[in-house]
């Protein structure tokens, strides 16, 4: 088995390996590493493009999600306060009506 590592093969003889097993293994590992590196670069490029597009979309729409959520909470609190105010006024009106009808 050890002798096969340095035995030379050639594609002209119909072998799948051209050169030695060590050269074939080195070439295969190198090609795999290069392919993996290219794929990682492609992923990095795609992530950069995605980030750029999202940033541009946000700047075009002019909507800041943090600001909008703060405004939403503020409007909700204002609605709750208005609702409580109307409830108090309603209760006062009922009391006035009941006092007015009792005095008559």
PDB file of N, CA and C in Angstrom:
ATOM      1  N   UNK A   1       0.824  -1.189   0.000  1.00  0.00           N
ATOM      2  CA  UNK A   1       0.000   0.000   0.000  1.00  0.00           C
ATOM      3  C   UNK A   1       0.866   1.249   0.000  1.00  0.00           C
ATOM      4  N   UNK A   2       1.974   1.194   0.779  1.00  0.00           N
ATOM      5  CA  UNK A   2       2.842   2.361   0.864  1.00  0.00           C
ATOM      6  C   UNK A   2       3.470   2.669  -0.488  1.00  0.00           C
ATOM      7  N   UNK A   3       3.717   1.664  -1.269  1.00  0.00           N
ATOM      8  CA  UNK A   3       4.328   1.865  -2.575  1.00  0.00           C
ATOM      9  C   UNK A   3       3.394   2.554  -3.554  1.00  0.00           C
ATOM     10  N   UNK A   4       2.099   2.438  -3.365  1.00  0.00           N
ATOM     11  CA  UNK A   4       1.147   3.071  -4.283  1.00  0.00           C
ATOM     12  C   UNK A   4       1.161   4.596  -4.178  1.00  0.00           C
ATOM     13  N   UNK A   5       1.547   5.122  -3.032  1.00  0.00           N
ATOM     14  CA  UNK A   5       1.545   6.568  -2.846  1.00  0.00           C
ATOM     15  C   UNK A   5       2.482   7.254  -3.820  1.00  0.00           C
ATOM     16  N   UNK A   6       3.595   6.620  -4.170  1.00  0.00           N
ATOM     17  CA  UNK A   6       4.568   7.243  -5.060  1.00  0.00           C
ATOM     18  C   UNK A   6       4.601   6.613  -6.442  1.00  0.00           C
ATOM     19  N   UNK A   7       3.714   5.645  -6.693  1.00  0.00           N
ATOM     20  CA  UNK A   7       3.661   5.026  -8.019  1.00  0.00           C
ATOM     21  C   UNK A   7       3.007   6.004  -8.979  1.00  0.00           C
ATOM     22  N   UNK A   8       3.584   6.113 -10.166  1.00  0.00           N
ATOM     23  CA  UNK A   8       3.083   7.055 -11.155  1.00  0.00           C
ATOM     24  C   UNK A   8       2.028   6.389 -12.028  1.00  0.00           C
ATOM     25  N   UNK A   9       0.908   7.107 -12.207  1.00  0.00           N
ATOM     26  CA  UNK A   9      -0.178   6.649 -13.088  1.00  0.00           C
ATOM     27  C   UNK A   9      -0.290   7.660 -14.211  1.00  0.00           C
ATOM     28  N   UNK A  10      -0.888   7.257 -15.321  1.00  0.00           N
ATOM     29  CA  UNK A  10      -1.071   8.209 -16.413  1.00  0.00           C
ATOM     30  C   UNK A  10      -2.466   8.036 -16.993  1.00  0.00           C
ATOM     31  N   UNK A  11      -3.039   9.120 -17.446  1.00  0.00           N
ATOM     32  CA  UNK A  11      -4.387   9.057 -18.019  1.00  0.00           C
ATOM     33  C   UNK A  11      -4.372   8.379 -19.374  1.00  0.00           C
ATOM     34  N   UNK A  12      -3.226   8.299 -20.029  1.00  0.00           N
ATOM     35  CA  UNK A  12      -3.171   7.640 -21.339  1.00  0.00           C
ATOM     36  C   UNK A  12      -3.379   6.137 -21.205  1.00  0.00           C
ATOM     37  N   UNK A  13      -3.102   5.590 -20.012  1.00  0.00           N
ATOM     38  CA  UNK A  13      -3.291   4.167 -19.788  1.00  0.00           C
ATOM     39  C   UNK A  13      -4.710   3.868 -19.308  1.00  0.00           C
ATOM     40  N   UNK A  14      -5.572   4.895 -19.262  1.00  0.00           N
ATOM     41  CA  UNK A  14      -6.951   4.696 -18.831  1.00  0.00           C
ATOM     42  C   UNK A  14      -7.155   4.872 -17.342  1.00  0.00           C
ATOM     43  N   UNK A  15      -6.119   5.312 -16.640  1.00  0.00           N
ATOM     44  CA  UNK A  15      -6.250   5.541 -15.202  1.00  0.00           C
ATOM     45  C   UNK A  15      -6.983   6.866 -14.951  1.00  0.00           C
ATOM     46  N   UNK A  16      -7.680   6.947 -13.812  1.00  0.00           N
ATOM     47  CA  UNK A  16      -8.362   8.180 -13.433  1.00  0.00           C
ATOM     48  C   UNK A  16      -7.398   9.168 -12.809  1.00  0.00           C
ATOM     49  N   UNK A  17      -6.229   8.703 -12.442  1.00  0.00           N
ATOM     50  CA  UNK A  17      -5.239   9.547 -11.770  1.00  0.00           C
ATOM     51  C   UNK A  17      -4.090   9.801 -12.730  1.00  0.00           C
ATOM     52  N   UNK A  18      -3.701  11.057 -12.845  1.00  0.00           N
ATOM     53  CA  UNK A  18      -2.548  11.404 -13.675  1.00  0.00           C
ATOM     54  C   UNK A  18      -1.453  11.865 -12.725  1.00  0.00           C
ATOM     55  N   UNK A  19      -0.395  11.097 -12.576  1.00  0.00           N
ATOM     56  CA  UNK A  19       0.671  11.384 -11.632  1.00  0.00           C
ATOM     57  C   UNK A  19       0.604  10.384 -10.491  1.00  0.00           C
ATOM     58  N   UNK A  20       1.136  10.762  -9.349  1.00  0.00           N
ATOM     59  CA  UNK A  20       1.149   9.846  -8.209  1.00  0.00           C
ATOM     60  C   UNK A  20      -0.114  10.055  -7.374  1.00  0.00           C
ATOM     61  N   UNK A  21      -0.374   9.110  -6.449  1.00  0.00           N
ATOM     62  CA  UNK A  21      -1.520   9.224  -5.547  1.00  0.00           C
ATOM     63  C   UNK A  21      -1.360  10.463  -4.658  1.00  0.00           C
ATOM     64  N   UNK A  22      -0.144  10.739  -4.234  1.00  0.00           N
ATOM     65  CA  UNK A  22       0.115  11.897  -3.391  1.00  0.00           C
ATOM     66  C   UNK A  22      -0.215  13.180  -4.144  1.00  0.00           C
ATOM     67  N   UNK A  23       0.185  13.251  -5.402  1.00  0.00           N
ATOM     68  CA  UNK A  23      -0.121  14.428  -6.219  1.00  0.00           C
ATOM     69  C   UNK A  23      -1.637  14.560  -6.444  1.00  0.00           C
ATOM     70  N   UNK A  24      -2.276  13.422  -6.695  1.00  0.00           N
ATOM     71  CA  UNK A  24      -3.724  13.436  -6.902  1.00  0.00           C
ATOM     72  C   UNK A  24      -4.435  13.922  -5.639  1.00  0.00           C
ATOM     73  N   UNK A  25      -4.034  13.394  -4.488  1.00  0.00           N
ATOM     74  CA  UNK A  25      -4.644  13.787  -3.212  1.00  0.00           C
ATOM     75  C   UNK A  25      -4.408  15.273  -2.944  1.00  0.00           C
ATOM     76  N   UNK A  26      -3.184  15.732  -3.168  1.00  0.00           N
ATOM     77  CA  UNK A  26      -2.860  17.147  -2.955  1.00  0.00           C
ATOM     78  C   UNK A  26      -3.692  18.041  -3.871  1.00  0.00           C
ATOM     79  N   UNK A  27      -3.816  17.629  -5.120  1.00  0.00           N
ATOM     80  CA  UNK A  27      -4.610  18.402  -6.078  1.00  0.00           C
ATOM     81  C   UNK A  27      -6.082  18.440  -5.699  1.00  0.00           C
ATOM     82  N   UNK A  28      -6.602  17.301  -5.236  1.00  0.00           N
ATOM     83  CA  UNK A  28      -8.009  17.236  -4.835  1.00  0.00           C
ATOM     84  C   UNK A  28      -8.277  18.117  -3.626  1.00  0.00           C
ATOM     85  N   UNK A  29      -7.416  18.040  -2.610  1.00  0.00           N
ATOM     86  CA  UNK A  29      -7.572  18.859  -1.411  1.00  0.00           C
ATOM     87  C   UNK A  29      -7.433  20.335  -1.768  1.00  0.00           C
ATOM     88  N   UNK A  30      -6.488  20.656  -2.614  1.00  0.00           N
ATOM     89  CA  UNK A  30      -6.285  22.047  -3.028  1.00  0.00           C
ATOM     90  C   UNK A  30      -7.508  22.572  -3.786  1.00  0.00           C
ATOM     91  N   UNK A  31      -8.050  21.778  -4.697  1.00  0.00           N
ATOM     92  CA  UNK A  31      -9.233  22.195  -5.458  1.00  0.00           C
ATOM     93  C   UNK A  31     -10.434  22.381  -4.530  1.00  0.00           C
ATOM     94  N   UNK A  32     -10.577  21.479  -3.565  1.00  0.00           N
ATOM     95  CA  UNK A  32     -11.669  21.586  -2.603  1.00  0.00           C
ATOM     96  C   UNK A  32     -11.525  22.866  -1.779  1.00  0.00           C
ATOM     97  N   UNK A  33     -10.319  23.141  -1.321  1.00  0.00           N
ATOM     98  CA  UNK A  33     -10.065  24.352  -0.538  1.00  0.00           C
ATOM     99  C   UNK A  33     -10.346  25.610  -1.342  1.00  0.00           C
ATOM    100  N   UNK A  34      -9.946  25.612  -2.601  1.00  0.00           N
ATOM    101  CA  UNK A  34     -10.187  26.770  -3.464  1.00  0.00           C
ATOM    102  C   UNK A  34     -11.677  26.970  -3.702  1.00  0.00           C
ATOM    103  N   UNK A  35     -12.401  25.875  -3.939  1.00  0.00           N
ATOM    104  CA  UNK A  35     -13.852  25.967  -4.138  1.00  0.00           C
ATOM    105  C   UNK A  35     -14.533  26.494  -2.883  1.00  0.00           C
ATOM    106  N   UNK A  36     -14.123  25.985  -1.730  1.00  0.00           N
ATOM    107  CA  UNK A  36     -14.687  26.439  -0.462  1.00  0.00           C
ATOM    108  C   UNK A  36     -14.403  27.918  -0.233  1.00  0.00           C
ATOM    109  N   UNK A  37     -13.203  28.350  -0.541  1.00  0.00           N
ATOM    110  CA  UNK A  37     -12.838  29.761  -0.398  1.00  0.00           C
ATOM    111  C   UNK A  37     -13.687  30.634  -1.313  1.00  0.00           C
ATOM    112  N   UNK A  38     -13.886  30.190  -2.547  1.00  0.00           N
ATOM    113  CA  UNK A  38     -14.716  30.946  -3.490  1.00  0.00           C
ATOM    114  C   UNK A  38     -16.160  31.044  -2.998  1.00  0.00           C
ATOM    115  N   UNK A  39     -16.675  29.945  -2.456  1.00  0.00           N
ATOM    116  CA  UNK A  39     -18.041  29.956  -1.943  1.00  0.00           C
ATOM    117  C   UNK A  39     -18.175  30.881  -0.743  1.00  0.00           C
ATOM    118  N   UNK A  40     -17.190  30.868   0.147  1.00  0.00           N
ATOM    119  CA  UNK A  40     -17.216  31.778   1.295  1.00  0.00           C
ATOM    120  C   UNK A  40     -17.162  33.238   0.846  1.00  0.00           C
ATOM    121  N   UNK A  41     -16.358  33.522  -0.166  1.00  0.00           N
ATOM    122  CA  UNK A  41     -16.302  34.879  -0.714  1.00  0.00           C
ATOM    123  C   UNK A  41     -17.647  35.277  -1.307  1.00  0.00           C
ATOM    124  N   UNK A  42     -18.291  34.342  -1.998  1.00  0.00           N
ATOM    125  CA  UNK A  42     -19.605  34.628  -2.579  1.00  0.00           C
ATOM    126  C   UNK A  42     -20.634  34.919  -1.500  1.00  0.00           C
ATOM    127  N   UNK A  43     -20.605  34.147  -0.418  1.00  0.00           N
ATOM    128  CA  UNK A  43     -21.532  34.386   0.694  1.00  0.00           C
ATOM    129  C   UNK A  43     -21.277  35.752   1.312  1.00  0.00           C
ATOM    130  N   UNK A  44     -20.025  36.093   1.524  1.00  0.00           N
ATOM    131  CA  UNK A  44     -19.688  37.408   2.084  1.00  0.00           C
ATOM    132  C   UNK A  44     -20.181  38.532   1.171  1.00  0.00           C
ATOM    133  N   UNK A  45     -19.990  38.356  -0.136  1.00  0.00           N
ATOM    134  CA  UNK A  45     -20.445  39.364  -1.093  1.00  0.00           C
ATOM    135  C   UNK A  45     -21.966  39.496  -1.074  1.00  0.00           C
ATOM    136  N   UNK A  46     -22.662  38.362  -1.017  1.00  0.00           N
ATOM    137  CA  UNK A  46     -24.125  38.397  -0.976  1.00  0.00           C
ATOM    138  C   UNK A  46     -24.621  39.080   0.297  1.00  0.00           C
ATOM    139  N   UNK A  47     -23.976  38.814   1.427  1.00  0.00           N
ATOM    140  CA  UNK A  47     -24.358  39.467   2.679  1.00  0.00           C
ATOM    141  C   UNK A  47     -24.131  40.972   2.604  1.00  0.00           C
ATOM    142  N   UNK A  48     -23.029  41.372   1.988  1.00  0.00           N
ATOM    143  CA  UNK A  48     -22.742  42.805   1.842  1.00  0.00           C
ATOM    144  C   UNK A  48     -23.783  43.467   0.949  1.00  0.00           C
ATOM    145  N   UNK A  49     -24.161  42.813  -0.132  1.00  0.00           N
ATOM    146  CA  UNK A  49     -25.181  43.352  -1.038  1.00  0.00           C
ATOM    147  C   UNK A  49     -26.525  43.445  -0.316  1.00  0.00           C
ATOM    148  N   UNK A  50     -26.869  42.415   0.443  1.00  0.00           N
ATOM    149  CA  UNK A  50     -28.132  42.423   1.182  1.00  0.00           C
ATOM    150  C   UNK A  50     -28.171  43.574   2.186  1.00  0.00           C
ATOM    151  N   UNK A  51     -27.087  43.774   2.911  1.00  0.00           N
ATOM    152  CA  UNK A  51     -27.018  44.865   3.876  1.00  0.00           C
ATOM    153  C   UNK A  51     -27.143  46.213   3.174  1.00  0.00           C
ATOM    154  N   UNK A  52     -26.466  46.365   2.053  1.00  0.00           N
ATOM    155  CA  UNK A  52     -26.526  47.603   1.291  1.00  0.00           C
ATOM    156  C   UNK A  52     -27.936  47.885   0.803  1.00  0.00           C
ATOM    157  N   UNK A  53     -28.597  46.864   0.270  1.00  0.00           N
ATOM    158  CA  UNK A  53     -29.957  47.034  -0.245  1.00  0.00           C
ATOM    159  C   UNK A  53     -30.920  47.387   0.885  1.00  0.00           C
ATOM    160  N   UNK A  54     -30.787  46.724   2.035  1.00  0.00           N
ATOM    161  CA  UNK A  54     -31.656  47.039   3.172  1.00  0.00           C
ATOM    162  C   UNK A  54     -31.439  48.470   3.654  1.00  0.00           C
ATOM    163  N   UNK A  55     -30.191  48.903   3.690  1.00  0.00           N
ATOM    164  CA  UNK A  55     -29.882  50.272   4.105  1.00  0.00           C
ATOM    165  C   UNK A  55     -30.471  51.277   3.127  1.00  0.00           C
ATOM    166  N   UNK A  56     -30.323  51.008   1.849  1.00  0.00           N
ATOM    167  CA  UNK A  56     -30.866  51.915   0.840  1.00  0.00           C
ATOM    168  C   UNK A  56     -32.389  51.941   0.894  1.00  0.00           C
ATOM    169  N   UNK A  57     -33.012  50.792   1.115  1.00  0.00           N
ATOM    170  CA  UNK A  57     -34.468  50.726   1.207  1.00  0.00           C
ATOM    171  C   UNK A  57     -34.955  51.544   2.402  1.00  0.00           C
ATOM    172  N   UNK A  58     -34.267  51.421   3.521  1.00  0.00           N
ATOM    173  CA  UNK A  58     -34.654  52.182   4.711  1.00  0.00           C
ATOM    174  C   UNK A  58     -34.476  53.682   4.488  1.00  0.00           C
ATOM    175  N   UNK A  59     -33.400  54.067   3.812  1.00  0.00           N
ATOM    176  CA  UNK A  59     -33.175  55.492   3.589  1.00  0.00           C
ATOM    177  C   UNK A  59     -34.174  56.066   2.596  1.00  0.00           C
ATOM    178  N   UNK A  60     -34.610  55.275   1.637  1.00  0.00           N
ATOM    179  CA  UNK A  60     -35.586  55.744   0.653  1.00  0.00           C
ATOM    180  C   UNK A  60     -36.964  55.867   1.288  1.00  0.00           C
ATOM    181  N   UNK A  61     -37.331  54.883   2.106  1.00  0.00           N
ATOM    182  CA  UNK A  61     -38.658  54.919   2.712  1.00  0.00           C
ATOM    183  C   UNK A  61     -38.746  55.990   3.778  1.00  0.00           C
ATOM    184  N   UNK A  62     -37.627  56.380   4.372  1.00  0.00           N
ATOM    185  CA  UNK A  62     -37.622  57.416   5.376  1.00  0.00           C
ATOM    186  C   UNK A  62     -38.273  56.997   6.681  1.00  0.00           C
ATOM    187  N   UNK A  63     -38.407  55.711   6.902  1.00  0.00           N
ATOM    188  CA  UNK A  63     -39.054  55.217   8.114  1.00  0.00           C
ATOM    189  C   UNK A  63     -37.989  54.670   9.051  1.00  0.00           C
ATOM    190  N   UNK A  64     -37.969  55.227  10.267  1.00  0.00           N
ATOM    191  CA  UNK A  64     -37.081  54.734  11.306  1.00  0.00           C
ATOM    192  C   UNK A  64     -37.933  53.895  12.250  1.00  0.00           C
ATOM    193  N   UNK A  65     -37.683  52.596  12.297  1.00  0.00           N
ATOM    194  CA  UNK A  65     -38.528  51.704  13.084  1.00  0.00           C
ATOM    195  C   UNK A  65     -38.479  52.019  14.567  1.00  0.00           C
ATOM    196  N   UNK A  66     -37.331  52.447  15.079  1.00  0.00           N
ATOM    197  CA  UNK A  66     -37.238  52.812  16.495  1.00  0.00           C
ATOM    198  C   UNK A  66     -38.117  54.025  16.796  1.00  0.00           C
ATOM    199  N   UNK A  67     -38.049  55.006  15.924  1.00  0.00           N
ATOM    200  CA  UNK A  67     -38.849  56.211  16.115  1.00  0.00           C
ATOM    201  C   UNK A  67     -40.342  55.894  15.996  1.00  0.00           C
ATOM    202  N   UNK A  68     -40.689  55.052  15.058  1.00  0.00           N
ATOM    203  CA  UNK A  68     -42.093  54.692  14.868  1.00  0.00           C
ATOM    204  C   UNK A  68     -42.639  53.911  16.058  1.00  0.00           C
ATOM    205  N   UNK A  69     -41.850  53.025  16.628  1.00  0.00           N
ATOM    206  CA  UNK A  69     -42.322  52.266  17.788  1.00  0.00           C
ATOM    207  C   UNK A  69     -42.464  53.186  19.006  1.00  0.00           C
ATOM    208  N   UNK A  70     -41.573  54.168  19.142  1.00  0.00           N
ATOM    209  CA  UNK A  70     -41.689  55.146  20.224  1.00  0.00           C
ATOM    210  C   UNK A  70     -42.959  55.971  20.054  1.00  0.00           C
ATOM    211  N   UNK A  71     -43.239  56.407  18.834  1.00  0.00           N
ATOM    212  CA  UNK A  71     -44.468  57.159  18.570  1.00  0.00           C
ATOM    213  C   UNK A  71     -45.701  56.308  18.843  1.00  0.00           C
ATOM    214  N   UNK A  72     -45.653  55.040  18.481  1.00  0.00           N
ATOM    215  CA  UNK A  72     -46.785  54.150  18.714  1.00  0.00           C
ATOM    216  C   UNK A  72     -47.076  54.027  20.204  1.00  0.00           C
ATOM    217  N   UNK A  73     -46.039  53.868  21.008  1.00  0.00           N
ATOM    218  CA  UNK A  73     -46.238  53.779  22.459  1.00  0.00           C
ATOM    219  C   UNK A  73     -46.791  55.091  23.008  1.00  0.00           C
ATOM    220  N   UNK A  74     -46.297  56.210  22.497  1.00  0.00           N
ATOM    221  CA  UNK A  74     -46.777  57.513  22.951  1.00  0.00           C
ATOM    222  C   UNK A  74     -48.260  57.691  22.617  1.00  0.00           C
ATOM    223  N   UNK A  75     -48.656  57.321  21.408  1.00  0.00           N
ATOM    224  CA  UNK A  75     -50.062  57.433  21.010  1.00  0.00           C
ATOM    225  C   UNK A  75     -50.950  56.499  21.823  1.00  0.00           C
ATOM    226  N   UNK A  76     -50.435  55.324  22.139  1.00  0.00           N
ATOM    227  CA  UNK A  76     -51.200  54.375  22.947  1.00  0.00           C
ATOM    228  C   UNK A  76     -51.439  54.946  24.341  1.00  0.00           C
ATOM    229  N   UNK A  77     -50.412  55.530  24.940  1.00  0.00           N
ATOM    230  CA  UNK A  77     -50.561  56.143  26.269  1.00  0.00           C
ATOM    231  C   UNK A  77     -51.541  57.309  26.207  1.00  0.00           C
ATOM    232  N   UNK A  78     -51.479  58.113  25.164  1.00  0.00           N
ATOM    233  CA  UNK A  78     -52.406  59.239  25.015  1.00  0.00           C
ATOM    234  C   UNK A  78     -53.834  58.731  24.869  1.00  0.00           C
ATOM    235  N   UNK A  79     -54.022  57.649  24.130  1.00  0.00           N
ATOM    236  CA  UNK A  79     -55.357  57.063  23.975  1.00  0.00           C
ATOM    237  C   UNK A  79     -55.881  56.562  25.316  1.00  0.00           C
ATOM    238  N   UNK A  80     -55.030  55.886  26.081  1.00  0.00           N
ATOM    239  CA  UNK A  80     -55.444  55.386  27.396  1.00  0.00           C
ATOM    240  C   UNK A  80     -55.823  56.539  28.318  1.00  0.00           C
ATOM    241  N   UNK A  81     -55.044  57.626  28.307  1.00  0.00           N
ATOM    242  CA  UNK A  81     -55.349  58.790  29.156  1.00  0.00           C
ATOM    243  C   UNK A  81     -56.664  59.427  28.722  1.00  0.00           C
ATOM    244  N   UNK A  82     -56.890  59.543  27.431  1.00  0.00           N
ATOM    245  CA  UNK A  82     -58.142  60.117  26.932  1.00  0.00           C
ATOM    246  C   UNK A  82     -59.324  59.246  27.319  1.00  0.00           C
ATOM    247  N   UNK A  83     -59.137  57.962  27.242  1.00  0.00           N
ATOM    248  CA  UNK A  83     -60.202  57.035  27.613  1.00  0.00           C
ATOM    249  C   UNK A  83     -60.554  57.183  29.087  1.00  0.00           C
ATOM    250  N   UNK A  84     -59.543  57.275  29.946  1.00  0.00           N
ATOM    251  CA  UNK A  84     -59.800  57.473  31.378  1.00  0.00           C
ATOM    252  C   UNK A  84     -60.491  58.817  31.634  1.00  0.00           C
ATOM    253  N   UNK A  85     -60.076  59.861  30.939  1.00  0.00           N
ATOM    254  CA  UNK A  85     -60.678  61.189  31.100  1.00  0.00           C
ATOM    255  C   UNK A  85     -62.157  61.149  30.719  1.00  0.00           C
ATOM    256  N   UNK A  86     -62.472  60.510  29.611  1.00  0.00           N
ATOM    257  CA  UNK A  86     -63.871  60.412  29.167  1.00  0.00           C
ATOM    258  C   UNK A  86     -64.684  59.592  30.168  1.00  0.00           C
ATOM    259  N   UNK A  87     -64.099  58.543  30.731  1.00  0.00           N
ATOM    260  CA  UNK A  87     -64.801  57.743  31.740  1.00  0.00           C
ATOM    261  C   UNK A  87     -65.111  58.578  32.981  1.00  0.00           C
ATOM    262  N   UNK A  88     -64.164  59.402  33.412  1.00  0.00           N
ATOM    263  CA  UNK A  88     -64.385  60.265  34.581  1.00  0.00           C
ATOM    264  C   UNK A  88     -65.478  61.288  34.284  1.00  0.00           C
ATOM    265  N   UNK A  89     -65.428  61.904  33.124  1.00  0.00           N
ATOM    266  CA  UNK A  89     -66.455  62.885  32.735  1.00  0.00           C
ATOM    267  C   UNK A  89     -67.821  62.205  32.671  1.00  0.00           C
ATOM    268  N   UNK A  90     -67.884  61.013  32.130  1.00  0.00           N
ATOM    269  CA  UNK A  90     -69.143  60.269  32.052  1.00  0.00           C
ATOM    270  C   UNK A  90     -69.683  59.995  33.451  1.00  0.00           C
ATOM    271  N   UNK A  91     -68.809  59.572  34.356  1.00  0.00           N
ATOM    272  CA  UNK A  91     -69.231  59.299  35.736  1.00  0.00           C
ATOM    273  C   UNK A  91     -69.723  60.576  36.412  1.00  0.00           C
ATOM    274  N   UNK A  92     -69.019  61.703  36.205  1.00  0.00           N
ATOM    275  CA  UNK A  92     -69.453  62.981  36.774  1.00  0.00           C
ATOM    276  C   UNK A  92     -70.819  63.390  36.228  1.00  0.00           C
ATOM    277  N   UNK A  93     -71.020  63.206  34.948  1.00  0.00           N
ATOM    278  CA  UNK A  93     -72.313  63.560  34.349  1.00  0.00           C
ATOM    279  C   UNK A  93     -73.429  62.693  34.939  1.00  0.00           C
ATOM    280  N   UNK A  94     -73.171  61.424  35.129  1.00  0.00           N
ATOM    281  CA  UNK A  94     -74.180  60.548  35.745  1.00  0.00           C
ATOM    282  C   UNK A  94     -74.490  61.009  37.162  1.00  0.00           C
ATOM    283  N   UNK A  95     -73.473  61.388  37.923  1.00  0.00           N
ATOM    284  CA  UNK A  95     -73.689  61.879  39.285  1.00  0.00           C
ATOM    285  C   UNK A  95     -74.498  63.165  39.282  1.00  0.00           C
ATOM    286  N   UNK A  96     -74.172  64.079  38.375  1.00  0.00           N
ATOM    287  CA  UNK A  96     -74.921  65.346  38.285  1.00  0.00           C
ATOM    288  C   UNK A  96     -76.366  65.101  37.914  1.00  0.00           C
ATOM    289  N   UNK A  97     -76.595  64.193  36.998  1.00  0.00           N
ATOM    290  CA  UNK A  97     -77.960  63.886  36.562  1.00  0.00           C
ATOM    291  C   UNK A  97     -78.733  63.251  37.718  1.00  0.00           C
ATOM    292  N   UNK A  98     -78.095  62.340  38.444  1.00  0.00           N
ATOM    293  CA  UNK A  98     -78.789  61.694  39.560  1.00  0.00           C
ATOM    294  C   UNK A  98     -79.060  62.677  40.689  1.00  0.00           C
ATOM    295  N   UNK A  99     -78.145  63.620  40.932  1.00  0.00           N
ATOM    296  CA  UNK A  99     -78.373  64.640  41.957  1.00  0.00           C
ATOM    297  C   UNK A  99     -79.497  65.575  41.515  1.00  0.00           C
ATOM    298  N   UNK A 100     -79.471  65.953  40.229  1.00  0.00           N
ATOM    299  CA  UNK A 100     -80.500  66.857  39.696  1.00  0.00           C
ATOM    300  C   UNK A 100     -81.879  66.219  39.699  1.00  0.00           C
ATOM    301  N   UNK A 101     -81.978  64.955  39.407  1.00  0.00           N
ATOM    302  CA  UNK A 101     -83.285  64.290  39.386  1.00  0.00           C
ATOM    303  C   UNK A 101     -83.767  63.999  40.801  1.00  0.00           C
ATOM    304  N   UNK A 102     -82.872  63.872  41.774  1.00  0.00           N
ATOM    305  CA  UNK A 102     -83.250  63.627  43.166  1.00  0.00           C
ATOM    306  C   UNK A 102     -83.728  64.894  43.844  1.00  0.00           C
ATOM    307  N   UNK A 103     -83.270  66.060  43.412  1.00  0.00           N
ATOM    308  CA  UNK A 103     -83.642  67.322  44.049  1.00  0.00           C
ATOM    309  C   UNK A 103     -84.984  67.804  43.543  1.00  0.00           C
ATOM    310  N   UNK A 104     -85.440  67.308  42.420  1.00  0.00           N
ATOM    311  CA  UNK A 104     -86.695  67.789  41.838  1.00  0.00           C
ATOM    312  C   UNK A 104     -87.899  67.275  42.469  1.00  0.00           C
TER     313      UNK A 104
END
